[in-house]
Amino acid sequence: MVTDGYMRSAIDYFEVTRARPSLASTLLITTWSRLSFHGADFGWGQPVVSGPVALPEKEVILFLSHGKERKSINVLLGLPAPAMEIFEELMLQI
């Protein structure tokens, strides 16, 4: 069972060792749709578009809110080519 103590211990371990957990054979799914990227102002006004410069891992699905109103979501996909082909076929069926 993953407890608060377990997570704190894992964080401490990675901070001390600077090790990076292996994500081999892992698909990372994360949502950034509630982060307030559109509220950032570096002196020249609010951003028109915001998000990561690059995906954090090769195989990742990342959800970002679209626009200031947050009425839609952008989905960034990083999938292996065979999985992307299947995903594309499934999307065309919708």
PDB file of N, CA and C in Angstrom:
ATOM      1  N   MET A   1       0.838  -1.180   0.000  1.00  0.00           N
ATOM      2  CA  MET A   1       0.000   0.000   0.000  1.00  0.00           C
ATOM      3  C   MET A   1       0.884   1.245   0.000  1.00  0.00           C
ATOM      4  N   VAL A   2       0.526   2.205  -0.820  1.00  0.00           N
ATOM      5  CA  VAL A   2       1.283   3.454  -0.901  1.00  0.00           C
ATOM      6  C   VAL A   2       0.726   4.419   0.141  1.00  0.00           C
ATOM      7  N   THR A   3       1.542   4.712   1.131  1.00  0.00           N
ATOM      8  CA  THR A   3       1.134   5.614   2.209  1.00  0.00           C
ATOM      9  C   THR A   3       1.892   6.932   2.095  1.00  0.00           C
ATOM     10  N   ASP A   4       1.504   7.880   2.912  1.00  0.00           N
ATOM     11  CA  ASP A   4       2.196   9.164   2.950  1.00  0.00           C
ATOM     12  C   ASP A   4       3.662   8.962   3.315  1.00  0.00           C
ATOM     13  N   GLY A   5       3.920   8.112   4.301  1.00  0.00           N
ATOM     14  CA  GLY A   5       5.295   7.839   4.718  1.00  0.00           C
ATOM     15  C   GLY A   5       6.124   7.216   3.608  1.00  0.00           C
ATOM     16  N   TYR A   6       5.515   6.304   2.859  1.00  0.00           N
ATOM     17  CA  TYR A   6       6.204   5.661   1.735  1.00  0.00           C
ATOM     18  C   TYR A   6       6.602   6.700   0.694  1.00  0.00           C
ATOM     19  N   MET A   7       5.670   7.579   0.333  1.00  0.00           N
ATOM     20  CA  MET A   7       5.956   8.606  -0.670  1.00  0.00           C
ATOM     21  C   MET A   7       7.049   9.561  -0.186  1.00  0.00           C
ATOM     22  N   ARG A   8       6.980   9.952   1.081  1.00  0.00           N
ATOM     23  CA  ARG A   8       8.011  10.848   1.617  1.00  0.00           C
ATOM     24  C   ARG A   8       9.383  10.175   1.608  1.00  0.00           C
ATOM     25  N   SER A   9       9.406   8.887   1.933  1.00  0.00           N
ATOM     26  CA  SER A   9      10.650   8.129   1.906  1.00  0.00           C
ATOM     27  C   SER A   9      11.213   8.049   0.488  1.00  0.00           C
ATOM     28  N   ALA A  10      10.346   7.808  -0.492  1.00  0.00           N
ATOM     29  CA  ALA A  10      10.785   7.737  -1.890  1.00  0.00           C
ATOM     30  C   ALA A  10      11.333   9.085  -2.344  1.00  0.00           C
ATOM     31  N   ILE A  11      10.657  10.167  -1.991  1.00  0.00           N
ATOM     32  CA  ILE A  11      11.129  11.510  -2.355  1.00  0.00           C
ATOM     33  C   ILE A  11      12.495  11.772  -1.732  1.00  0.00           C
ATOM     34  N   ASP A  12      12.644  11.434  -0.452  1.00  0.00           N
ATOM     35  CA  ASP A  12      13.936  11.616   0.220  1.00  0.00           C
ATOM     36  C   ASP A  12      15.033  10.828  -0.488  1.00  0.00           C
ATOM     37  N   TYR A  13      14.743   9.581  -0.845  1.00  0.00           N
ATOM     38  CA  TYR A  13      15.724   8.732  -1.528  1.00  0.00           C
ATOM     39  C   TYR A  13      16.187   9.370  -2.835  1.00  0.00           C
ATOM     40  N   PHE A  14      15.242   9.823  -3.649  1.00  0.00           N
ATOM     41  CA  PHE A  14      15.602  10.395  -4.945  1.00  0.00           C
ATOM     42  C   PHE A  14      16.322  11.735  -4.796  1.00  0.00           C
ATOM     43  N   GLU A  15      15.997  12.490  -3.756  1.00  0.00           N
ATOM     44  CA  GLU A  15      16.711  13.743  -3.524  1.00  0.00           C
ATOM     45  C   GLU A  15      18.153  13.490  -3.098  1.00  0.00           C
ATOM     46  N   VAL A  16      18.361  12.483  -2.247  1.00  0.00           N
ATOM     47  CA  VAL A  16      19.704  12.182  -1.756  1.00  0.00           C
ATOM     48  C   VAL A  16      20.561  11.549  -2.845  1.00  0.00           C
ATOM     49  N   THR A  17      20.021  10.578  -3.563  1.00  0.00           N
ATOM     50  CA  THR A  17      20.815   9.834  -4.553  1.00  0.00           C
ATOM     51  C   THR A  17      20.809  10.488  -5.928  1.00  0.00           C
ATOM     52  N   ARG A  18      19.888  11.397  -6.167  1.00  0.00           N
ATOM     53  CA  ARG A  18      19.697  12.013  -7.486  1.00  0.00           C
ATOM     54  C   ARG A  18      19.406  10.959  -8.548  1.00  0.00           C
ATOM     55  N   ALA A  19      18.977   9.791  -8.096  1.00  0.00           N
ATOM     56  CA  ALA A  19      18.604   8.721  -9.022  1.00  0.00           C
ATOM     57  C   ALA A  19      17.292   9.083  -9.690  1.00  0.00           C
ATOM     58  N   ARG A  20      17.096   8.533 -10.842  1.00  0.00           N
ATOM     59  CA  ARG A  20      15.844   8.757 -11.563  1.00  0.00           C
ATOM     60  C   ARG A  20      15.169   7.404 -11.734  1.00  0.00           C
ATOM     61  N   PRO A  21      13.923   7.273 -11.303  1.00  0.00           N
ATOM     62  CA  PRO A  21      13.271   5.962 -11.411  1.00  0.00           C
ATOM     63  C   PRO A  21      13.144   5.531 -12.864  1.00  0.00           C
ATOM     64  N   SER A  22      13.287   4.238 -13.080  1.00  0.00           N
ATOM     65  CA  SER A  22      13.145   3.698 -14.431  1.00  0.00           C
ATOM     66  C   SER A  22      11.684   3.740 -14.845  1.00  0.00           C
ATOM     67  N   LEU A  23      11.440   4.270 -16.019  1.00  0.00           N
ATOM     68  CA  LEU A  23      10.086   4.294 -16.561  1.00  0.00           C
ATOM     69  C   LEU A  23       9.978   3.390 -17.777  1.00  0.00           C
ATOM     70  N   ALA A  24      10.905   2.428 -17.886  1.00  0.00           N
ATOM     71  CA  ALA A  24      10.871   1.488 -19.007  1.00  0.00           C
ATOM     72  C   ALA A  24       9.548   0.735 -18.992  1.00  0.00           C
ATOM     73  N   SER A  25       8.972   0.569 -20.145  1.00  0.00           N
ATOM     74  CA  SER A  25       7.684  -0.125 -20.303  1.00  0.00           C
ATOM     75  C   SER A  25       6.569   0.559 -19.530  1.00  0.00           C
ATOM     76  N   THR A  26       6.659   1.865 -19.391  1.00  0.00           N
ATOM     77  CA  THR A  26       5.656   2.623 -18.654  1.00  0.00           C
ATOM     78  C   THR A  26       5.061   3.689 -19.561  1.00  0.00           C
ATOM     79  N   LEU A  27       3.755   3.810 -19.532  1.00  0.00           N
ATOM     80  CA  LEU A  27       3.077   4.906 -20.217  1.00  0.00           C
ATOM     81  C   LEU A  27       2.668   5.902 -19.147  1.00  0.00           C
ATOM     82  N   LEU A  28       3.145   7.105 -19.254  1.00  0.00           N
ATOM     83  CA  LEU A  28       2.874   8.146 -18.276  1.00  0.00           C
ATOM     84  C   LEU A  28       1.686   8.973 -18.740  1.00  0.00           C
ATOM     85  N   ILE A  29       0.643   9.039 -17.936  1.00  0.00           N
ATOM     86  CA  ILE A  29      -0.535   9.848 -18.247  1.00  0.00           C
ATOM     87  C   ILE A  29      -0.658  10.897 -17.151  1.00  0.00           C
ATOM     88  N   THR A  30      -0.664  12.160 -17.545  1.00  0.00           N
ATOM     89  CA  THR A  30      -0.727  13.232 -16.558  1.00  0.00           C
ATOM     90  C   THR A  30      -1.586  14.381 -17.076  1.00  0.00           C
ATOM     91  N   THR A  31      -2.236  15.069 -16.165  1.00  0.00           N
ATOM     92  CA  THR A  31      -3.053  16.210 -16.570  1.00  0.00           C
ATOM     93  C   THR A  31      -2.470  17.490 -15.991  1.00  0.00           C
ATOM     94  N   TRP A  32      -2.266  18.446 -16.864  1.00  0.00           N
ATOM     95  CA  TRP A  32      -1.831  19.775 -16.461  1.00  0.00           C
ATOM     96  C   TRP A  32      -2.953  20.771 -16.716  1.00  0.00           C
ATOM     97  N   SER A  33      -4.157  20.277 -16.919  1.00  0.00           N
ATOM     98  CA  SER A  33      -5.263  21.144 -17.321  1.00  0.00           C
ATOM     99  C   SER A  33      -5.685  22.119 -16.228  1.00  0.00           C
ATOM    100  N   ARG A  34      -5.329  21.868 -14.994  1.00  0.00           N
ATOM    101  CA  ARG A  34      -5.709  22.788 -13.919  1.00  0.00           C
ATOM    102  C   ARG A  34      -4.577  23.727 -13.509  1.00  0.00           C
ATOM    103  N   LEU A  35      -3.408  23.561 -14.120  1.00  0.00           N
ATOM    104  CA  LEU A  35      -2.308  24.479 -13.824  1.00  0.00           C
ATOM    105  C   LEU A  35      -2.587  25.819 -14.494  1.00  0.00           C
ATOM    106  N   SER A  36      -2.240  26.885 -13.834  1.00  0.00           N
ATOM    107  CA  SER A  36      -2.617  28.217 -14.332  1.00  0.00           C
ATOM    108  C   SER A  36      -1.524  28.835 -15.203  1.00  0.00           C
ATOM    109  N   PHE A  37      -1.162  28.152 -16.285  1.00  0.00           N
ATOM    110  CA  PHE A  37      -0.182  28.701 -17.222  1.00  0.00           C
ATOM    111  C   PHE A  37      -0.647  30.041 -17.778  1.00  0.00           C
ATOM    112  N   HIS A  38      -1.950  30.182 -18.002  1.00  0.00           N
ATOM    113  CA  HIS A  38      -2.470  31.396 -18.630  1.00  0.00           C
ATOM    114  C   HIS A  38      -2.468  32.591 -17.684  1.00  0.00           C
ATOM    115  N   GLY A  39      -2.214  32.344 -16.408  1.00  0.00           N
ATOM    116  CA  GLY A  39      -2.149  33.436 -15.451  1.00  0.00           C
ATOM    117  C   GLY A  39      -0.748  34.024 -15.315  1.00  0.00           C
ATOM    118  N   ALA A  40       0.233  33.401 -15.953  1.00  0.00           N
ATOM    119  CA  ALA A  40       1.618  33.883 -15.864  1.00  0.00           C
ATOM    120  C   ALA A  40       1.773  35.188 -16.650  1.00  0.00           C
ATOM    121  N   ASP A  41       2.476  36.133 -16.048  1.00  0.00           N
ATOM    122  CA  ASP A  41       2.752  37.399 -16.735  1.00  0.00           C
ATOM    123  C   ASP A  41       4.196  37.777 -16.423  1.00  0.00           C
ATOM    124  N   PHE A  42       5.040  37.731 -17.440  1.00  0.00           N
ATOM    125  CA  PHE A  42       6.455  38.035 -17.268  1.00  0.00           C
ATOM    126  C   PHE A  42       6.784  39.470 -17.670  1.00  0.00           C
ATOM    127  N   GLY A  43       5.764  40.310 -17.712  1.00  0.00           N
ATOM    128  CA  GLY A  43       5.993  41.713 -17.999  1.00  0.00           C
ATOM    129  C   GLY A  43       5.497  42.160 -19.357  1.00  0.00           C
ATOM    130  N   TRP A  44       5.123  41.246 -20.210  1.00  0.00           N
ATOM    131  CA  TRP A  44       4.633  41.630 -21.541  1.00  0.00           C
ATOM    132  C   TRP A  44       3.222  41.111 -21.790  1.00  0.00           C
ATOM    133  N   GLY A  45       2.501  40.810 -20.706  1.00  0.00           N
ATOM    134  CA  GLY A  45       1.114  40.359 -20.827  1.00  0.00           C
ATOM    135  C   GLY A  45       0.981  38.854 -20.691  1.00  0.00           C
ATOM    136  N   GLN A  46      -0.259  38.410 -20.649  1.00  0.00           N
ATOM    137  CA  GLN A  46      -0.513  36.980 -20.500  1.00  0.00           C
ATOM    138  C   GLN A  46      -0.160  36.228 -21.779  1.00  0.00           C
ATOM    139  N   PRO A  47       0.239  34.959 -21.648  1.00  0.00           N
ATOM    140  CA  PRO A  47       0.613  34.181 -22.833  1.00  0.00           C
ATOM    141  C   PRO A  47      -0.582  33.883 -23.726  1.00  0.00           C
ATOM    142  N   VAL A  48      -0.322  33.776 -25.014  1.00  0.00           N
ATOM    143  CA  VAL A  48      -1.345  33.373 -25.976  1.00  0.00           C
ATOM    144  C   VAL A  48      -1.462  31.857 -25.965  1.00  0.00           C
ATOM    145  N   VAL A  49      -0.318  31.177 -25.941  1.00  0.00           N
ATOM    146  CA  VAL A  49      -0.250  29.719 -25.898  1.00  0.00           C
ATOM    147  C   VAL A  49       0.785  29.345 -24.850  1.00  0.00           C
ATOM    148  N   SER A  50       0.543  28.280 -24.106  1.00  0.00           N
ATOM    149  CA  SER A  50       1.515  27.852 -23.107  1.00  0.00           C
ATOM    150  C   SER A  50       1.513  26.341 -22.987  1.00  0.00           C
ATOM    151  N   GLY A  51       2.607  25.805 -22.489  1.00  0.00           N
ATOM    152  CA  GLY A  51       2.752  24.370 -22.303  1.00  0.00           C
ATOM    153  C   GLY A  51       4.214  24.002 -22.281  1.00  0.00           C
ATOM    154  N   PRO A  52       4.507  22.713 -22.208  1.00  0.00           N
ATOM    155  CA  PRO A  52       5.905  22.289 -22.136  1.00  0.00           C
ATOM    156  C   PRO A  52       6.620  22.464 -23.473  1.00  0.00           C
ATOM    157  N   VAL A  53       7.917  22.703 -23.409  1.00  0.00           N
ATOM    158  CA  VAL A  53       8.729  22.812 -24.615  1.00  0.00           C
ATOM    159  C   VAL A  53       8.902  21.434 -25.236  1.00  0.00           C
ATOM    160  N   ALA A  54       9.054  20.430 -24.383  1.00  0.00           N
ATOM    161  CA  ALA A  54       9.208  19.047 -24.841  1.00  0.00           C
ATOM    162  C   ALA A  54       8.443  18.143 -23.886  1.00  0.00           C
ATOM    163  N   LEU A  55       8.107  16.958 -24.339  1.00  0.00           N
ATOM    164  CA  LEU A  55       7.425  16.005 -23.474  1.00  0.00           C
ATOM    165  C   LEU A  55       8.405  15.481 -22.426  1.00  0.00           C
ATOM    166  N   PRO A  56       7.932  15.236 -21.191  1.00  0.00           N
ATOM    167  CA  PRO A  56       8.839  14.802 -20.126  1.00  0.00           C
ATOM    168  C   PRO A  56       9.424  13.410 -20.353  1.00  0.00           C
ATOM    169  N   GLU A  57       8.749  12.574 -21.078  1.00  0.00           N
ATOM    170  CA  GLU A  57       9.219  11.226 -21.404  1.00  0.00           C
ATOM    171  C   GLU A  57       8.820  10.917 -22.832  1.00  0.00           C
ATOM    172  N   LYS A  58       9.401   9.871 -23.402  1.00  0.00           N
ATOM    173  CA  LYS A  58       9.067   9.502 -24.779  1.00  0.00           C
ATOM    174  C   LYS A  58       7.626   9.025 -24.889  1.00  0.00           C
ATOM    175  N   GLU A  59       7.195   8.243 -23.924  1.00  0.00           N
ATOM    176  CA  GLU A  59       5.845   7.685 -23.966  1.00  0.00           C
ATOM    177  C   GLU A  59       5.001   8.353 -22.889  1.00  0.00           C
ATOM    178  N   VAL A  60       4.230   9.336 -23.313  1.00  0.00           N
ATOM    179  CA  VAL A  60       3.462  10.131 -22.365  1.00  0.00           C
ATOM    180  C   VAL A  60       2.195  10.641 -23.039  1.00  0.00           C
ATOM    181  N   ILE A  61       1.164  10.789 -22.249  1.00  0.00           N
ATOM    182  CA  ILE A  61      -0.046  11.478 -22.691  1.00  0.00           C
ATOM    183  C   ILE A  61      -0.234  12.631 -21.714  1.00  0.00           C
ATOM    184  N   LEU A  62      -0.303  13.824 -22.236  1.00  0.00           N
ATOM    185  CA  LEU A  62      -0.362  15.016 -21.406  1.00  0.00           C
ATOM    186  C   LEU A  62      -1.594  15.831 -21.773  1.00  0.00           C
ATOM    187  N   PHE A  63      -2.400  16.175 -20.786  1.00  0.00           N
ATOM    188  CA  PHE A  63      -3.612  16.964 -20.999  1.00  0.00           C
ATOM    189  C   PHE A  63      -3.350  18.406 -20.564  1.00  0.00           C
ATOM    190  N   LEU A  64      -3.569  19.352 -21.475  1.00  0.00           N
ATOM    191  CA  LEU A  64      -3.388  20.778 -21.192  1.00  0.00           C
ATOM    192  C   LEU A  64      -4.678  21.522 -21.500  1.00  0.00           C
ATOM    193  N   SER A  65      -5.038  22.474 -20.645  1.00  0.00           N
ATOM    194  CA  SER A  65      -6.213  23.277 -20.960  1.00  0.00           C
ATOM    195  C   SER A  65      -5.896  24.159 -22.161  1.00  0.00           C
ATOM    196  N   HIS A  66      -6.912  24.458 -22.951  1.00  0.00           N
ATOM    197  CA  HIS A  66      -6.731  25.257 -24.162  1.00  0.00           C
ATOM    198  C   HIS A  66      -7.396  26.612 -23.976  1.00  0.00           C
ATOM    199  N   GLY A  67      -6.605  27.637 -24.049  1.00  0.00           N
ATOM    200  CA  GLY A  67      -7.148  28.987 -23.983  1.00  0.00           C
ATOM    201  C   GLY A  67      -7.472  29.439 -22.578  1.00  0.00           C
ATOM    202  N   LYS A  68      -7.678  30.715 -22.463  1.00  0.00           N
ATOM    203  CA  LYS A  68      -7.951  31.348 -21.175  1.00  0.00           C
ATOM    204  C   LYS A  68      -9.251  30.838 -20.556  1.00  0.00           C
ATOM    205  N   GLU A  69     -10.235  30.548 -21.389  1.00  0.00           N
ATOM    206  CA  GLU A  69     -11.542  30.115 -20.885  1.00  0.00           C
ATOM    207  C   GLU A  69     -11.546  28.662 -20.434  1.00  0.00           C
ATOM    208  N   ARG A  70     -10.540  27.887 -20.850  1.00  0.00           N
ATOM    209  CA  ARG A  70     -10.420  26.476 -20.474  1.00  0.00           C
ATOM    210  C   ARG A  70     -11.656  25.672 -20.848  1.00  0.00           C
ATOM    211  N   LYS A  71     -12.200  25.928 -22.020  1.00  0.00           N
ATOM    212  CA  LYS A  71     -13.393  25.208 -22.457  1.00  0.00           C
ATOM    213  C   LYS A  71     -13.057  23.949 -23.242  1.00  0.00           C
ATOM    214  N   SER A  72     -11.796  23.759 -23.544  1.00  0.00           N
ATOM    215  CA  SER A  72     -11.379  22.551 -24.254  1.00  0.00           C
ATOM    216  C   SER A  72     -10.004  22.137 -23.744  1.00  0.00           C
ATOM    217  N   ILE A  73      -9.578  20.953 -24.157  1.00  0.00           N
ATOM    218  CA  ILE A  73      -8.304  20.407 -23.693  1.00  0.00           C
ATOM    219  C   ILE A  73      -7.468  19.980 -24.888  1.00  0.00           C
ATOM    220  N   ASN A  74      -6.191  20.329 -24.868  1.00  0.00           N
ATOM    221  CA  ASN A  74      -5.232  19.824 -25.844  1.00  0.00           C
ATOM    222  C   ASN A  74      -4.626  18.545 -25.278  1.00  0.00           C
ATOM    223  N   VAL A  75      -4.486  17.537 -26.114  1.00  0.00           N
ATOM    224  CA  VAL A  75      -3.888  16.273 -25.697  1.00  0.00           C
ATOM    225  C   VAL A  75      -2.592  16.090 -26.479  1.00  0.00           C
ATOM    226  N   LEU A  76      -1.472  16.056 -25.777  1.00  0.00           N
ATOM    227  CA  LEU A  76      -0.175  15.814 -26.400  1.00  0.00           C
ATOM    228  C   LEU A  76       0.158  14.346 -26.217  1.00  0.00           C
ATOM    229  N   LEU A  77       0.477  13.670 -27.307  1.00  0.00           N
ATOM    230  CA  LEU A  77       0.755  12.237 -27.260  1.00  0.00           C
ATOM    231  C   LEU A  77       2.195  11.951 -27.632  1.00  0.00           C
ATOM    232  N   GLY A  78       2.821  11.106 -26.871  1.00  0.00           N
ATOM    233  CA  GLY A  78       4.125  10.561 -27.213  1.00  0.00           C
ATOM    234  C   GLY A  78       3.999   9.055 -27.100  1.00  0.00           C
ATOM    235  N   LEU A  79       3.770   8.397 -28.205  1.00  0.00           N
ATOM    236  CA  LEU A  79       3.560   6.948 -28.208  1.00  0.00           C
ATOM    237  C   LEU A  79       4.513   6.283 -29.187  1.00  0.00           C
ATOM    238  N   PRO A  80       4.820   4.988 -28.975  1.00  0.00           N
ATOM    239  CA  PRO A  80       5.595   4.264 -29.975  1.00  0.00           C
ATOM    240  C   PRO A  80       4.810   4.236 -31.286  1.00  0.00           C
ATOM    241  N   ALA A  81       5.517   4.172 -32.408  1.00  0.00           N
ATOM    242  CA  ALA A  81       4.871   4.229 -33.726  1.00  0.00           C
ATOM    243  C   ALA A  81       3.728   3.224 -33.881  1.00  0.00           C
ATOM    244  N   PRO A  82       3.887   1.946 -33.494  1.00  0.00           N
ATOM    245  CA  PRO A  82       2.765   1.005 -33.665  1.00  0.00           C
ATOM    246  C   PRO A  82       1.529   1.413 -32.854  1.00  0.00           C
ATOM    247  N   ALA A  83       1.746   1.900 -31.636  1.00  0.00           N
ATOM    248  CA  ALA A  83       0.623   2.333 -30.804  1.00  0.00           C
ATOM    249  C   ALA A  83      -0.033   3.572 -31.391  1.00  0.00           C
ATOM    250  N   MET A  84       0.764   4.473 -31.955  1.00  0.00           N
ATOM    251  CA  MET A  84       0.211   5.684 -32.560  1.00  0.00           C
ATOM    252  C   MET A  84      -0.643   5.338 -33.775  1.00  0.00           C
ATOM    253  N   GLU A  85      -0.202   4.356 -34.556  1.00  0.00           N
ATOM    254  CA  GLU A  85      -0.985   3.933 -35.721  1.00  0.00           C
ATOM    255  C   GLU A  85      -2.343   3.388 -35.290  1.00  0.00           C
ATOM    256  N   ILE A  86      -2.360   2.580 -34.245  1.00  0.00           N
ATOM    257  CA  ILE A  86      -3.623   2.033 -33.733  1.00  0.00           C
ATOM    258  C   ILE A  86      -4.494   3.157 -33.193  1.00  0.00           C
ATOM    259  N   PHE A  87      -3.890   4.077 -32.449  1.00  0.00           N
ATOM    260  CA  PHE A  87      -4.632   5.212 -31.904  1.00  0.00           C
ATOM    261  C   PHE A  87      -5.257   6.033 -33.026  1.00  0.00           C
ATOM    262  N   GLU A  88      -4.488   6.289 -34.073  1.00  0.00           N
ATOM    263  CA  GLU A  88      -5.002   7.059 -35.207  1.00  0.00           C
ATOM    264  C   GLU A  88      -6.185   6.351 -35.861  1.00  0.00           C
ATOM    265  N   GLU A  89      -6.079   5.033 -36.041  1.00  0.00           N
ATOM    266  CA  GLU A  89      -7.186   4.267 -36.623  1.00  0.00           C
ATOM    267  C   GLU A  89      -8.437   4.369 -35.755  1.00  0.00           C
ATOM    268  N   LEU A  90      -8.265   4.259 -34.453  1.00  0.00           N
ATOM    269  CA  LEU A  90      -9.406   4.349 -33.538  1.00  0.00           C
ATOM    270  C   LEU A  90     -10.036   5.739 -33.573  1.00  0.00           C
ATOM    271  N   MET A  91      -9.222   6.779 -33.639  1.00  0.00           N
ATOM    272  CA  MET A  91      -9.754   8.140 -33.690  1.00  0.00           C
ATOM    273  C   MET A  91     -10.532   8.395 -34.979  1.00  0.00           C
ATOM    274  N   LEU A  92     -10.102   7.804 -36.072  1.00  0.00           N
ATOM    275  CA  LEU A  92     -10.806   7.984 -37.343  1.00  0.00           C
ATOM    276  C   LEU A  92     -12.163   7.288 -37.345  1.00  0.00           C
ATOM    277  N   GLN A  93     -12.354   6.338 -36.447  1.00  0.00           N
ATOM    278  CA  GLN A  93     -13.632   5.627 -36.354  1.00  0.00           C
ATOM    279  C   GLN A  93     -14.668   6.408 -35.549  1.00  0.00           C
ATOM    280  N   ILE A  94     -14.243   7.402 -34.835  1.00  0.00           N
ATOM    281  CA  ILE A  94     -15.178   8.173 -33.989  1.00  0.00           C
ATOM    282  C   ILE A  94     -15.989   9.118 -34.841  1.00  0.00           C
TER     283      ILE A  94
END
